[in-house]
PDB file of N, CA and C in Angstrom:
ATOM      1  N   MET A   1    -122.577   1.188 -35.729  1.00  0.00           N
ATOM      2  CA  MET A   1    -123.304   2.277 -35.303  1.00  0.00           C
ATOM      3  C   MET A   1    -122.164   3.380 -35.766  1.00  0.00           C
ATOM      4  N   ALA A   2    -122.677   4.618 -35.930  1.00  0.00           N
ATOM      5  CA  ALA A   2    -121.719   5.844 -35.975  1.00  0.00           C
ATOM      6  C   ALA A   2    -121.825   6.461 -34.679  1.00  0.00           C
ATOM      7  N   PRO A   3    -120.927   7.316 -34.490  1.00  0.00           N
ATOM      8  CA  PRO A   3    -120.774   8.213 -33.557  1.00  0.00           C
ATOM      9  C   PRO A   3    -122.097   9.122 -33.275  1.00  0.00           C
ATOM     10  N   LYS A   4    -122.444   9.626 -32.200  1.00  0.00           N
ATOM     11  CA  LYS A   4    -123.628  10.440 -32.087  1.00  0.00           C
ATOM     12  C   LYS A   4    -123.150  11.734 -31.771  1.00  0.00           C
ATOM     13  N   GLU A   5    -123.940  12.694 -32.141  1.00  0.00           N
ATOM     14  CA  GLU A   5    -123.599  14.081 -31.752  1.00  0.00           C
ATOM     15  C   GLU A   5    -123.915  14.504 -30.362  1.00  0.00           C
ATOM     16  N   CYS A   6    -123.201  15.397 -29.709  1.00  0.00           N
ATOM     17  CA  CYS A   6    -123.597  15.955 -28.614  1.00  0.00           C
ATOM     18  C   CYS A   6    -124.771  16.632 -28.919  1.00  0.00           C
ATOM     19  N   SER A   7    -125.909  16.866 -27.683  1.00  0.00           N
ATOM     20  CA  SER A   7    -126.796  17.637 -28.011  1.00  0.00           C
ATOM     21  C   SER A   7    -126.693  19.276 -27.633  1.00  0.00           C
ATOM     22  N   LEU A   8    -125.347  19.441 -27.110  1.00  0.00           N
ATOM     23  CA  LEU A   8    -125.298  20.911 -26.767  1.00  0.00           C
ATOM     24  C   LEU A   8    -124.366  21.436 -27.989  1.00  0.00           C
ATOM     25  N   CYS A   9    -122.971  20.854 -28.154  1.00  0.00           N
ATOM     26  CA  CYS A   9    -122.134  21.437 -28.910  1.00  0.00           C
ATOM     27  C   CYS A   9    -122.053  20.751 -30.524  1.00  0.00           C
ATOM     28  N   HIS A  10    -123.015  19.703 -30.439  1.00  0.00           N
ATOM     29  CA  HIS A  10    -123.125  18.907 -31.935  1.00  0.00           C
ATOM     30  C   HIS A  10    -121.901  18.483 -32.441  1.00  0.00           C
ATOM     31  N   THR A  11    -121.124  18.113 -31.665  1.00  0.00           N
ATOM     32  CA  THR A  11    -119.653  17.451 -31.980  1.00  0.00           C
ATOM     33  C   THR A  11    -119.889  16.067 -31.983  1.00  0.00           C
ATOM     34  N   PRO A  12    -119.589  15.135 -33.009  1.00  0.00           N
ATOM     35  CA  PRO A  12    -119.634  13.807 -32.991  1.00  0.00           C
ATOM     36  C   PRO A  12    -118.624  13.168 -31.891  1.00  0.00           C
ATOM     37  N   ARG A  13    -119.239  12.201 -31.147  1.00  0.00           N
ATOM     38  CA  ARG A  13    -118.332  11.667 -30.104  1.00  0.00           C
ATOM     39  C   ARG A  13    -118.773  10.069 -29.941  1.00  0.00           C
ATOM     40  N   GLN A  14    -117.749   9.523 -29.436  1.00  0.00           N
ATOM     41  CA  GLN A  14    -117.681   7.728 -29.519  1.00  0.00           C
ATOM     42  C   GLN A  14    -118.275   7.544 -27.996  1.00  0.00           C
ATOM     43  N   MET A  15    -118.412   8.645 -27.216  1.00  0.00           N
ATOM     44  CA  MET A  15    -118.967   8.155 -25.977  1.00  0.00           C
ATOM     45  C   MET A  15    -119.464   9.512 -25.369  1.00  0.00           C
ATOM     46  N   LEU A  16    -120.833   9.372 -24.773  1.00  0.00           N
ATOM     47  CA  LEU A  16    -121.791  10.374 -24.375  1.00  0.00           C
ATOM     48  C   LEU A  16    -122.235  10.103 -23.022  1.00  0.00           C
ATOM     49  N   VAL A  17    -122.590  11.171 -22.432  1.00  0.00           N
ATOM     50  CA  VAL A  17    -123.510  11.007 -21.112  1.00  0.00           C
ATOM     51  C   VAL A  17    -125.042  11.064 -21.463  1.00  0.00           C
ATOM     52  N   ARG A  18    -125.878  10.280 -21.002  1.00  0.00           N
ATOM     53  CA  ARG A  18    -127.445  10.404 -21.035  1.00  0.00           C
ATOM     54  C   ARG A  18    -127.775  10.957 -20.116  1.00  0.00           C
ATOM     55  N   CYS A  19    -128.669  12.048 -20.271  1.00  0.00           N
ATOM     56  CA  CYS A  19    -129.134  12.859 -19.133  1.00  0.00           C
ATOM     57  C   CYS A  19    -130.417  13.801 -19.441  1.00  0.00           C
ATOM     58  N   GLN A  20    -131.146  14.144 -18.479  1.00  0.00           N
ATOM     59  CA  GLN A  20    -132.175  15.233 -18.731  1.00  0.00           C
ATOM     60  C   GLN A  20    -131.419  16.467 -18.128  1.00  0.00           C
ATOM     61  N   THR A  21    -131.981  17.536 -18.903  1.00  0.00           N
ATOM     62  CA  THR A  21    -131.104  18.757 -18.747  1.00  0.00           C
ATOM     63  C   THR A  21    -132.045  19.948 -18.260  1.00  0.00           C
ATOM     64  N   ASP A  22    -133.399  19.736 -18.874  1.00  0.00           N
ATOM     65  CA  ASP A  22    -134.395  20.730 -18.453  1.00  0.00           C
ATOM     66  C   ASP A  22    -135.879  20.522 -18.229  1.00  0.00           C
ATOM     67  N   ALA A  23    -136.728  21.192 -18.074  1.00  0.00           N
ATOM     68  CA  ALA A  23    -138.094  20.945 -17.495  1.00  0.00           C
ATOM     69  C   ALA A  23    -138.653  20.044 -18.397  1.00  0.00           C
ATOM     70  N   THR A  24    -138.351  20.002 -19.697  1.00  0.00           N
ATOM     71  CA  THR A  24    -139.160  19.212 -20.663  1.00  0.00           C
ATOM     72  C   THR A  24    -139.083  17.546 -20.201  1.00  0.00           C
ATOM     73  N   GLY A  25    -137.994  17.188 -19.723  1.00  0.00           N
ATOM     74  CA  GLY A  25    -137.959  15.774 -19.459  1.00  0.00           C
ATOM     75  C   GLY A  25    -137.364  14.841 -20.387  1.00  0.00           C
ATOM     76  N   ALA A  26    -136.977  15.453 -21.721  1.00  0.00           N
ATOM     77  CA  ALA A  26    -136.453  14.928 -22.932  1.00  0.00           C
ATOM     78  C   ALA A  26    -134.921  14.513 -22.305  1.00  0.00           C
ATOM     79  N   TRP A  27    -134.475  13.265 -22.930  1.00  0.00           N
ATOM     80  CA  TRP A  27    -133.457  12.803 -22.778  1.00  0.00           C
ATOM     81  C   TRP A  27    -132.414  13.373 -23.658  1.00  0.00           C
ATOM     82  N   ASN A  28    -130.930  13.704 -23.149  1.00  0.00           N
ATOM     83  CA  ASN A  28    -130.289  14.232 -24.194  1.00  0.00           C
ATOM     84  C   ASN A  28    -128.822  13.774 -24.093  1.00  0.00           C
ATOM     85  N   PHE A  29    -127.937  13.583 -25.197  1.00  0.00           N
ATOM     86  CA  PHE A  29    -126.642  12.919 -25.017  1.00  0.00           C
ATOM     87  C   PHE A  29    -125.785  14.098 -24.964  1.00  0.00           C
ATOM     88  N   VAL A  30    -125.013  14.356 -23.833  1.00  0.00           N
ATOM     89  CA  VAL A  30    -124.018  15.421 -23.915  1.00  0.00           C
ATOM     90  C   VAL A  30    -122.236  14.761 -23.724  1.00  0.00           C
ATOM     91  N   CYS A  31    -121.552  15.503 -24.335  1.00  0.00           N
ATOM     92  CA  CYS A  31    -120.281  14.980 -24.207  1.00  0.00           C
ATOM     93  C   CYS A  31    -119.507  15.142 -22.869  1.00  0.00           C
ATOM     94  N   PRO A  32    -118.895  14.122 -22.468  1.00  0.00           N
ATOM     95  CA  PRO A  32    -118.491  14.238 -20.868  1.00  0.00           C
ATOM     96  C   PRO A  32    -117.623  15.253 -20.591  1.00  0.00           C
ATOM     97  N   GLY A  33    -117.246  16.061 -21.337  1.00  0.00           N
ATOM     98  CA  GLY A  33    -116.330  17.074 -21.065  1.00  0.00           C
ATOM     99  C   GLY A  33    -117.237  18.574 -20.337  1.00  0.00           C
ATOM    100  N   LYS A  34    -116.766  19.454 -21.287  1.00  0.00           N
ATOM    101  CA  LYS A  34    -117.255  20.877 -20.791  1.00  0.00           C
ATOM    102  C   LYS A  34    -118.958  20.701 -20.757  1.00  0.00           C
ATOM    103  N   CYS A  35    -119.470  20.075 -21.721  1.00  0.00           N
ATOM    104  CA  CYS A  35    -120.745  20.059 -21.992  1.00  0.00           C
ATOM    105  C   CYS A  35    -121.457  19.597 -20.733  1.00  0.00           C
ATOM    106  N   TRP A  36    -121.015  18.452 -20.300  1.00  0.00           N
ATOM    107  CA  TRP A  36    -121.858  17.624 -19.382  1.00  0.00           C
ATOM    108  C   TRP A  36    -121.417  18.488 -17.725  1.00  0.00           C
ATOM    109  N   HIS A  37    -120.329  18.896 -17.676  1.00  0.00           N
ATOM    110  CA  HIS A  37    -120.036  19.764 -16.529  1.00  0.00           C
ATOM    111  C   HIS A  37    -120.993  21.255 -16.582  1.00  0.00           C
ATOM    112  N   SER A  38    -121.175  21.736 -17.502  1.00  0.00           N
ATOM    113  CA  SER A  38    -122.024  22.867 -17.727  1.00  0.00           C
ATOM    114  C   SER A  38    -123.580  22.520 -17.195  1.00  0.00           C
ATOM    115  N   VAL A  39    -123.818  21.357 -17.557  1.00  0.00           N
ATOM    116  CA  VAL A  39    -125.229  20.994 -16.970  1.00  0.00           C
ATOM    117  C   VAL A  39    -125.663  20.130 -15.878  1.00  0.00           C
ATOM    118  N   SER A  40    -124.473  19.567 -15.136  1.00  0.00           N
ATOM    119  CA  SER A  40    -124.487  18.733 -13.831  1.00  0.00           C
ATOM    120  C   SER A  40    -123.611  19.295 -12.834  1.00  0.00           C
ATOM    121  N   GLY A  41    -122.697  20.265 -13.078  1.00  0.00           N
ATOM    122  CA  GLY A  41    -121.561  20.426 -12.267  1.00  0.00           C
ATOM    123  C   GLY A  41    -120.529  19.434 -12.273  1.00  0.00           C
ATOM    124  N   GLY A  42    -120.427  18.449 -12.878  1.00  0.00           N
ATOM    125  CA  GLY A  42    -119.403  17.339 -12.782  1.00  0.00           C
ATOM    126  C   GLY A  42    -119.870  16.363 -12.037  1.00  0.00           C
ATOM    127  N   VAL A  43    -121.090  16.003 -11.515  1.00  0.00           N
ATOM    128  CA  VAL A  43    -121.433  15.258 -10.606  1.00  0.00           C
ATOM    129  C   VAL A  43    -122.588  14.329 -11.488  1.00  0.00           C
ATOM    130  N   GLU A  44    -122.540  13.156 -11.336  1.00  0.00           N
ATOM    131  CA  GLU A  44    -123.335  12.099 -11.919  1.00  0.00           C
ATOM    132  C   GLU A  44    -124.673  12.458 -11.577  1.00  0.00           C
ATOM    133  N   ASP A  45    -125.151  12.356 -10.285  1.00  0.00           N
ATOM    134  CA  ASP A  45    -126.577  12.762  -9.792  1.00  0.00           C
ATOM    135  C   ASP A  45    -126.622  14.056  -9.178  1.00  0.00           C
ATOM    136  N   ALA A  46    -125.668  14.961  -9.529  1.00  0.00           N
ATOM    137  CA  ALA A  46    -125.754  16.374  -9.173  1.00  0.00           C
ATOM    138  C   ALA A  46    -125.954  16.554  -7.503  1.00  0.00           C
ATOM    139  N   LYS A  47    -125.686  15.402  -6.874  1.00  0.00           N
ATOM    140  CA  LYS A  47    -125.897  15.433  -5.470  1.00  0.00           C
ATOM    141  C   LYS A  47    -125.147  16.755  -4.798  1.00  0.00           C
ATOM    142  N   GLY A  48    -125.779  17.516  -3.940  1.00  0.00           N
ATOM    143  CA  GLY A  48    -125.423  18.649  -3.391  1.00  0.00           C
ATOM    144  C   GLY A  48    -125.564  20.094  -4.393  1.00  0.00           C
ATOM    145  N   LEU A  49    -125.807  19.699  -5.295  1.00  0.00           N
ATOM    146  CA  LEU A  49    -126.026  20.844  -6.356  1.00  0.00           C
ATOM    147  C   LEU A  49    -127.367  20.776  -6.985  1.00  0.00           C
ATOM    148  N   GLU A  50    -128.558  20.340  -6.411  1.00  0.00           N
ATOM    149  CA  GLU A  50    -129.856  20.359  -6.714  1.00  0.00           C
ATOM    150  C   GLU A  50    -130.405  21.785  -6.992  1.00  0.00           C
ATOM    151  N   GLY A  51    -129.864  22.679  -6.195  1.00  0.00           N
ATOM    152  CA  GLY A  51    -130.387  24.087  -6.279  1.00  0.00           C
ATOM    153  C   GLY A  51    -129.832  24.714  -7.737  1.00  0.00           C
ATOM    154  N   GLU A  52    -128.554  24.367  -8.182  1.00  0.00           N
ATOM    155  CA  GLU A  52    -127.993  25.097  -9.303  1.00  0.00           C
ATOM    156  C   GLU A  52    -128.628  24.241 -10.408  1.00  0.00           C
ATOM    157  N   PHE A  53    -128.930  22.880 -10.536  1.00  0.00           N
ATOM    158  CA  PHE A  53    -129.268  21.837 -11.491  1.00  0.00           C
ATOM    159  C   PHE A  53    -130.600  21.311 -11.049  1.00  0.00           C
ATOM    160  N   PRO A  54    -131.643  21.981 -11.126  1.00  0.00           N
ATOM    161  CA  PRO A  54    -132.758  21.397 -10.618  1.00  0.00           C
ATOM    162  C   PRO A  54    -133.428  20.202 -11.450  1.00  0.00           C
ATOM    163  N   HIS A  55    -133.102  20.588 -12.780  1.00  0.00           N
ATOM    164  CA  HIS A  55    -133.852  19.403 -13.620  1.00  0.00           C
ATOM    165  C   HIS A  55    -132.826  18.328 -14.204  1.00  0.00           C
ATOM    166  N   TYR A  56    -131.782  18.363 -13.753  1.00  0.00           N
ATOM    167  CA  TYR A  56    -130.597  17.359 -14.089  1.00  0.00           C
ATOM    168  C   TYR A  56    -131.128  16.177 -13.706  1.00  0.00           C
ATOM    169  N   ARG A  57    -130.825  14.854 -14.394  1.00  0.00           N
ATOM    170  CA  ARG A  57    -131.141  13.605 -14.005  1.00  0.00           C
ATOM    171  C   ARG A  57    -130.125  12.694 -14.803  1.00  0.00           C
ATOM    172  N   TYR A  58    -129.387  12.099 -14.190  1.00  0.00           N
ATOM    173  CA  TYR A  58    -128.440  11.161 -14.852  1.00  0.00           C
ATOM    174  C   TYR A  58    -128.907   9.952 -15.355  1.00  0.00           C
ATOM    175  N   GLY A  59    -128.626   9.454 -16.689  1.00  0.00           N
ATOM    176  CA  GLY A  59    -129.190   8.191 -17.386  1.00  0.00           C
ATOM    177  C   GLY A  59    -128.207   7.452 -17.810  1.00  0.00           C
ATOM    178  N   GLY A  60    -126.869   7.393 -17.261  1.00  0.00           N
ATOM    179  CA  GLY A  60    -125.914   6.450 -17.783  1.00  0.00           C
ATOM    180  C   GLY A  60    -124.858   7.031 -18.754  1.00  0.00           C
ATOM    181  N   MET A  61    -124.232   6.023 -19.421  1.00  0.00           N
ATOM    182  CA  MET A  61    -123.198   6.347 -20.495  1.00  0.00           C
ATOM    183  C   MET A  61    -123.579   5.682 -21.838  1.00  0.00           C
ATOM    184  N   TRP A  62    -123.493   6.362 -22.920  1.00  0.00           N
ATOM    185  CA  TRP A  62    -123.494   5.653 -24.272  1.00  0.00           C
ATOM    186  C   TRP A  62    -122.285   5.587 -24.807  1.00  0.00           C
ATOM    187  N   LYS A  63    -121.973   4.306 -25.378  1.00  0.00           N
ATOM    188  CA  LYS A  63    -120.590   4.298 -26.082  1.00  0.00           C
ATOM    189  C   LYS A  63    -120.807   3.619 -27.237  1.00  0.00           C
ATOM    190  N   ASP A  64    -120.044   3.986 -28.522  1.00  0.00           N
ATOM    191  CA  ASP A  64    -120.096   3.576 -29.727  1.00  0.00           C
ATOM    192  C   ASP A  64    -119.467   2.032 -29.746  1.00  0.00           C
ATOM    193  N   ARG A  65    -120.045   1.257 -29.919  1.00  0.00           N
ATOM    194  CA  ARG A  65    -119.228  -0.210 -29.479  1.00  0.00           C
ATOM    195  C   ARG A  65    -118.506  -0.417 -30.840  1.00  0.00           C
ATOM    196  N   ALA A  66    -118.711   0.187 -32.120  1.00  0.00           N
ATOM    197  CA  ALA A  66    -118.171  -0.015 -33.334  1.00  0.00           C
ATOM    198  C   ALA A  66    -116.847   0.837 -33.563  1.00  0.00           C
ATOM    199  N   ALA A  67    -116.511   1.481 -32.433  1.00  0.00           N
ATOM    200  CA  ALA A  67    -115.492   2.439 -32.329  1.00  0.00           C
ATOM    201  C   ALA A  67    -114.234   1.730 -32.900  1.00  0.00           C
ATOM    202  N   ASP A  68    -113.325   2.638 -33.492  1.00  0.00           N
ATOM    203  CA  ASP A  68    -112.116   1.894 -33.680  1.00  0.00           C
ATOM    204  C   ASP A  68    -111.120   2.245 -32.426  1.00  0.00           C
ATOM    205  N   GLY A  69    -110.612   1.114 -31.827  1.00  0.00           N
ATOM    206  CA  GLY A  69    -109.742   1.521 -30.693  1.00  0.00           C
ATOM    207  C   GLY A  69    -110.478   1.488 -29.513  1.00  0.00           C
ATOM    208  N   PRO A  70    -109.767   1.266 -28.395  1.00  0.00           N
ATOM    209  CA  PRO A  70    -110.345   1.180 -27.223  1.00  0.00           C
ATOM    210  C   PRO A  70    -111.133   2.479 -26.763  1.00  0.00           C
ATOM    211  N   VAL A  71    -112.325   2.248 -26.231  1.00  0.00           N
ATOM    212  CA  VAL A  71    -113.295   3.619 -25.717  1.00  0.00           C
ATOM    213  C   VAL A  71    -113.661   3.122 -24.181  1.00  0.00           C
ATOM    214  N   SER A  72    -113.257   3.746 -23.491  1.00  0.00           N
ATOM    215  CA  SER A  72    -113.492   3.336 -21.935  1.00  0.00           C
ATOM    216  C   SER A  72    -114.703   4.372 -21.408  1.00  0.00           C
ATOM    217  N   ALA A  73    -115.594   4.051 -20.665  1.00  0.00           N
ATOM    218  CA  ALA A  73    -116.328   4.830 -20.023  1.00  0.00           C
ATOM    219  C   ALA A  73    -116.123   5.149 -18.463  1.00  0.00           C
ATOM    220  N   LYS A  74    -115.185   4.309 -18.081  1.00  0.00           N
ATOM    221  CA  LYS A  74    -114.674   4.539 -16.860  1.00  0.00           C
ATOM    222  C   LYS A  74    -113.986   5.782 -16.465  1.00  0.00           C
ATOM    223  N   LYS A  75    -114.112   6.175 -15.205  1.00  0.00           N
ATOM    224  CA  LYS A  75    -113.583   7.556 -14.928  1.00  0.00           C
ATOM    225  C   LYS A  75    -112.090   7.058 -14.345  1.00  0.00           C
ATOM    226  N   PRO A  76    -110.938   7.951 -14.790  1.00  0.00           N
ATOM    227  CA  PRO A  76    -109.620   7.762 -14.040  1.00  0.00           C
ATOM    228  C   PRO A  76    -109.577   8.157 -12.718  1.00  0.00           C
ATOM    229  N   ARG A  77    -108.822   7.473 -11.957  1.00  0.00           N
ATOM    230  CA  ARG A  77    -108.464   7.511 -10.535  1.00  0.00           C
ATOM    231  C   ARG A  77    -108.408   8.788 -10.186  1.00  0.00           C
ATOM    232  N   LYS A  78    -107.880   9.866 -10.807  1.00  0.00           N
ATOM    233  CA  LYS A  78    -107.744  11.234 -10.453  1.00  0.00           C
ATOM    234  C   LYS A  78    -109.018  11.940 -10.431  1.00  0.00           C
ATOM    235  N   VAL A  79    -109.870  11.734 -11.363  1.00  0.00           N
ATOM    236  CA  VAL A  79    -111.137  12.264 -11.443  1.00  0.00           C
ATOM    237  C   VAL A  79    -112.108  11.850 -10.486  1.00  0.00           C
ATOM    238  N   LYS A  80    -112.011  10.542 -10.034  1.00  0.00           N
ATOM    239  CA  LYS A  80    -112.761   9.949  -8.958  1.00  0.00           C
ATOM    240  C   LYS A  80    -112.391  10.611  -7.504  1.00  0.00           C
ATOM    241  N   GLU A  81    -111.082  10.757  -7.430  1.00  0.00           N
ATOM    242  CA  GLU A  81    -110.583  11.362  -6.058  1.00  0.00           C
ATOM    243  C   GLU A  81    -111.021  12.839  -6.158  1.00  0.00           C
ATOM    244  N   ARG A  82    -110.726  13.701  -7.156  1.00  0.00           N
ATOM    245  CA  ARG A  82    -111.390  14.999  -7.256  1.00  0.00           C
ATOM    246  C   ARG A  82    -112.802  15.104  -6.765  1.00  0.00           C
ATOM    247  N   GLN A  83    -113.423  14.223  -7.243  1.00  0.00           N
ATOM    248  CA  GLN A  83    -115.088  14.035  -7.218  1.00  0.00           C
ATOM    249  C   GLN A  83    -115.396  13.844  -5.806  1.00  0.00           C
ATOM    250  N   ARG A  84    -114.764  13.091  -5.222  1.00  0.00           N
ATOM    251  CA  ARG A  84    -114.921  12.420  -4.087  1.00  0.00           C
ATOM    252  C   ARG A  84    -114.585  13.635  -2.952  1.00  0.00           C
ATOM    253  N   ALA A  85    -113.421  14.282  -2.993  1.00  0.00           N
ATOM    254  CA  ALA A  85    -113.132  15.498  -2.328  1.00  0.00           C
ATOM    255  C   ALA A  85    -114.045  16.624  -2.419  1.00  0.00           C
ATOM    256  N   ALA A  86    -114.497  16.860  -3.658  1.00  0.00           N
ATOM    257  CA  ALA A  86    -115.653  17.995  -4.018  1.00  0.00           C
ATOM    258  C   ALA A  86    -116.938  17.523  -3.065  1.00  0.00           C
ATOM    259  N   GLN A  87    -117.159  16.444  -3.211  1.00  0.00           N
ATOM    260  CA  GLN A  87    -118.494  15.878  -2.476  1.00  0.00           C
ATOM    261  C   GLN A  87    -118.344  15.934  -0.910  1.00  0.00           C
ATOM    262  N   ALA A  88    -117.040  15.624  -0.280  1.00  0.00           N
ATOM    263  CA  ALA A  88    -116.976  15.777   1.103  1.00  0.00           C
ATOM    264  C   ALA A  88    -117.020  17.185   1.395  1.00  0.00           C
ATOM    265  N   GLU A  89    -116.501  18.080   0.597  1.00  0.00           N
ATOM    266  CA  GLU A  89    -116.596  19.439   0.963  1.00  0.00           C
ATOM    267  C   GLU A  89    -117.981  19.927   0.850  1.00  0.00           C
ATOM    268  N   ARG A  90    -119.041  19.500   0.086  1.00  0.00           N
ATOM    269  CA  ARG A  90    -120.224  20.155  -0.116  1.00  0.00           C
ATOM    270  C   ARG A  90    -121.086  19.284   1.106  1.00  0.00           C
ATOM    271  N   ASP A  91    -120.749  18.031   1.619  1.00  0.00           N
ATOM    272  CA  ASP A  91    -121.347  17.553   2.712  1.00  0.00           C
ATOM    273  C   ASP A  91    -120.952  18.262   3.911  1.00  0.00           C
ATOM    274  N   GLN A  92    -119.677  18.719   3.952  1.00  0.00           N
ATOM    275  CA  GLN A  92    -119.207  19.712   5.329  1.00  0.00           C
ATOM    276  C   GLN A  92    -119.971  20.820   5.282  1.00  0.00           C
ATOM    277  N   ARG A  93    -120.248  21.602   4.278  1.00  0.00           N
ATOM    278  CA  ARG A  93    -120.904  22.779   4.115  1.00  0.00           C
ATOM    279  C   ARG A  93    -122.211  22.531   4.424  1.00  0.00           C
ATOM    280  N   GLN A  94    -122.938  21.804   4.023  1.00  0.00           N
ATOM    281  CA  GLN A  94    -124.316  21.352   4.454  1.00  0.00           C
ATOM    282  C   GLN A  94    -124.418  20.859   5.851  1.00  0.00           C
ATOM    283  N   GLY A  95    -123.531  20.204   6.391  1.00  0.00           N
ATOM    284  CA  GLY A  95    -123.457  19.755   7.810  1.00  0.00           C
ATOM    285  C   GLY A  95    -123.378  21.125   8.677  1.00  0.00           C
ATOM    286  N   GLU A  96    -122.618  21.933   8.162  1.00  0.00           N
ATOM    287  CA  GLU A  96    -122.463  23.351   9.145  1.00  0.00           C
ATOM    288  C   GLU A  96    -123.516  23.919   8.911  1.00  0.00           C
ATOM    289  N   ASP A  97    -124.262  24.058   7.888  1.00  0.00           N
ATOM    290  CA  ASP A  97    -125.706  24.908   7.721  1.00  0.00           C
ATOM    291  C   ASP A  97    -126.658  24.147   8.389  1.00  0.00           C
ATOM    292  N   GLY A  98    -126.754  22.921   8.534  1.00  0.00           N
ATOM    293  CA  GLY A  98    -127.838  22.199   9.373  1.00  0.00           C
ATOM    294  C   GLY A  98    -127.386  22.300  10.751  1.00  0.00           C
ATOM    295  N   LYS A  99    -126.092  22.362  11.307  1.00  0.00           N
ATOM    296  CA  LYS A  99    -125.925  22.483  12.744  1.00  0.00           C
ATOM    297  C   LYS A  99    -126.301  24.091  13.102  1.00  0.00           C
ATOM    298  N   SER A 100    -125.997  25.162  12.490  1.00  0.00           N
ATOM    299  CA  SER A 100    -126.476  26.344  12.901  1.00  0.00           C
ATOM    300  C   SER A 100    -128.096  26.363  12.910  1.00  0.00           C
ATOM    301  N   ASP A 101    -128.967  25.841  11.974  1.00  0.00           N
ATOM    302  CA  ASP A 101    -130.314  25.831  12.139  1.00  0.00           C
ATOM    303  C   ASP A 101    -130.606  24.958  13.178  1.00  0.00           C
ATOM    304  N   GLU A 102    -130.024  23.799  13.437  1.00  0.00           N
ATOM    305  CA  GLU A 102    -130.418  23.059  14.814  1.00  0.00           C
ATOM    306  C   GLU A 102    -130.165  23.710  16.050  1.00  0.00           C
ATOM    307  N   LEU A 103    -128.988  24.550  16.133  1.00  0.00           N
ATOM    308  CA  LEU A 103    -128.766  25.563  17.186  1.00  0.00           C
ATOM    309  C   LEU A 103    -129.720  26.392  17.598  1.00  0.00           C
ATOM    310  N   ALA A 104    -130.248  27.085  16.530  1.00  0.00           N
ATOM    311  CA  ALA A 104    -131.253  28.152  16.377  1.00  0.00           C
ATOM    312  C   ALA A 104    -132.676  27.353  17.023  1.00  0.00           C
ATOM    313  N   ALA A 105    -132.911  26.267  16.559  1.00  0.00           N
ATOM    314  CA  ALA A 105    -134.068  25.527  16.882  1.00  0.00           C
ATOM    315  C   ALA A 105    -133.947  25.434  18.382  1.00  0.00           C
ATOM    316  N   VAL A 106    -133.056  24.855  18.957  1.00  0.00           N
ATOM    317  CA  VAL A 106    -132.616  24.387  20.195  1.00  0.00           C
ATOM    318  C   VAL A 106    -132.738  25.811  21.064  1.00  0.00           C
ATOM    319  N   ASP A 107    -132.272  26.779  20.805  1.00  0.00           N
ATOM    320  CA  ASP A 107    -132.259  27.879  21.516  1.00  0.00           C
ATOM    321  C   ASP A 107    -133.692  28.357  21.584  1.00  0.00           C
ATOM    322  N   GLY A 108    -134.453  28.539  20.402  1.00  0.00           N
ATOM    323  CA  GLY A 108    -135.739  28.869  20.292  1.00  0.00           C
ATOM    324  C   GLY A 108    -136.576  28.078  21.423  1.00  0.00           C
ATOM    325  N   SER A 109    -136.477  26.896  21.307  1.00  0.00           N
ATOM    326  CA  SER A 109    -137.348  25.939  22.171  1.00  0.00           C
ATOM    327  C   SER A 109    -137.012  26.173  23.493  1.00  0.00           C
ATOM    328  N   GLY A 110    -135.815  26.305  23.986  1.00  0.00           N
ATOM    329  CA  GLY A 110    -135.339  26.455  25.382  1.00  0.00           C
ATOM    330  C   GLY A 110    -135.981  27.813  25.652  1.00  0.00           C
ATOM    331  N   ASP A 111    -135.949  28.785  25.003  1.00  0.00           N
ATOM    332  CA  ASP A 111    -136.646  30.181  25.586  1.00  0.00           C
ATOM    333  C   ASP A 111    -138.184  29.858  25.696  1.00  0.00           C
ATOM    334  N   GLU A 112    -138.744  29.167  24.880  1.00  0.00           N
ATOM    335  CA  GLU A 112    -140.315  29.225  24.944  1.00  0.00           C
ATOM    336  C   GLU A 112    -140.665  28.313  26.271  1.00  0.00           C
ATOM    337  N   GLY A 113    -139.768  27.478  26.585  1.00  0.00           N
ATOM    338  CA  GLY A 113    -140.006  26.623  27.783  1.00  0.00           C
ATOM    339  C   GLY A 113    -139.942  27.481  28.871  1.00  0.00           C
ATOM    340  N   LYS A 114    -138.999  28.325  28.973  1.00  0.00           N
ATOM    341  CA  LYS A 114    -138.667  29.067  30.124  1.00  0.00           C
ATOM    342  C   LYS A 114    -139.837  30.131  30.322  1.00  0.00           C
ATOM    343  N   ASP A 115    -140.306  30.779  29.133  1.00  0.00           N
ATOM    344  CA  ASP A 115    -141.615  31.562  29.411  1.00  0.00           C
ATOM    345  C   ASP A 115    -142.765  31.061  29.904  1.00  0.00           C
ATOM    346  N   SER A 116    -143.157  30.017  29.407  1.00  0.00           N
ATOM    347  CA  SER A 116    -144.303  29.053  29.686  1.00  0.00           C
ATOM    348  C   SER A 116    -144.324  28.763  31.053  1.00  0.00           C
ATOM    349  N   GLN A 117    -143.010  28.266  31.800  1.00  0.00           N
ATOM    350  CA  GLN A 117    -142.799  28.050  32.835  1.00  0.00           C
ATOM    351  C   GLN A 117    -143.026  29.287  33.950  1.00  0.00           C
ATOM    352  N   SER A 118    -142.489  30.338  33.629  1.00  0.00           N
ATOM    353  CA  SER A 118    -142.648  31.555  34.471  1.00  0.00           C
ATOM    354  C   SER A 118    -143.878  32.013  34.397  1.00  0.00           C
ATOM    355  N   SER A 119    -144.702  31.937  33.496  1.00  0.00           N
ATOM    356  CA  SER A 119    -146.122  32.523  33.366  1.00  0.00           C
ATOM    357  C   SER A 119    -147.154  31.480  34.238  1.00  0.00           C
ATOM    358  N   THR A 120    -146.822  30.308  34.517  1.00  0.00           N
ATOM    359  CA  THR A 120    -147.756  29.345  35.331  1.00  0.00           C
ATOM    360  C   THR A 120    -147.782  29.733  36.654  1.00  0.00           C
TER     361      THR A 120
END
């Protein structure tokens, strides 16, 4: 098998990320560097980035098994740590947004209860 081309930059690669990137639902092969980051935000399932990448869907890795030399689809430890830190930050931001919404709902329901009690 020969290397496949990246669907975005058309560079032949021995390893590509299979994903959907637009509303057509067509599966594309994108290189795991800049091209993949541009369509997913650098996260496999775009968790926490659904607003920025609504059509993105991860479909796994494609690897040229006939490539000369070792080609690994594993992420280096530094990349995993960086992605975990970014995910924790996104989760924390979403948690803070959720808490402010919950507080507003509690305050609003408490006021309604007082109004209904005073009118009876």
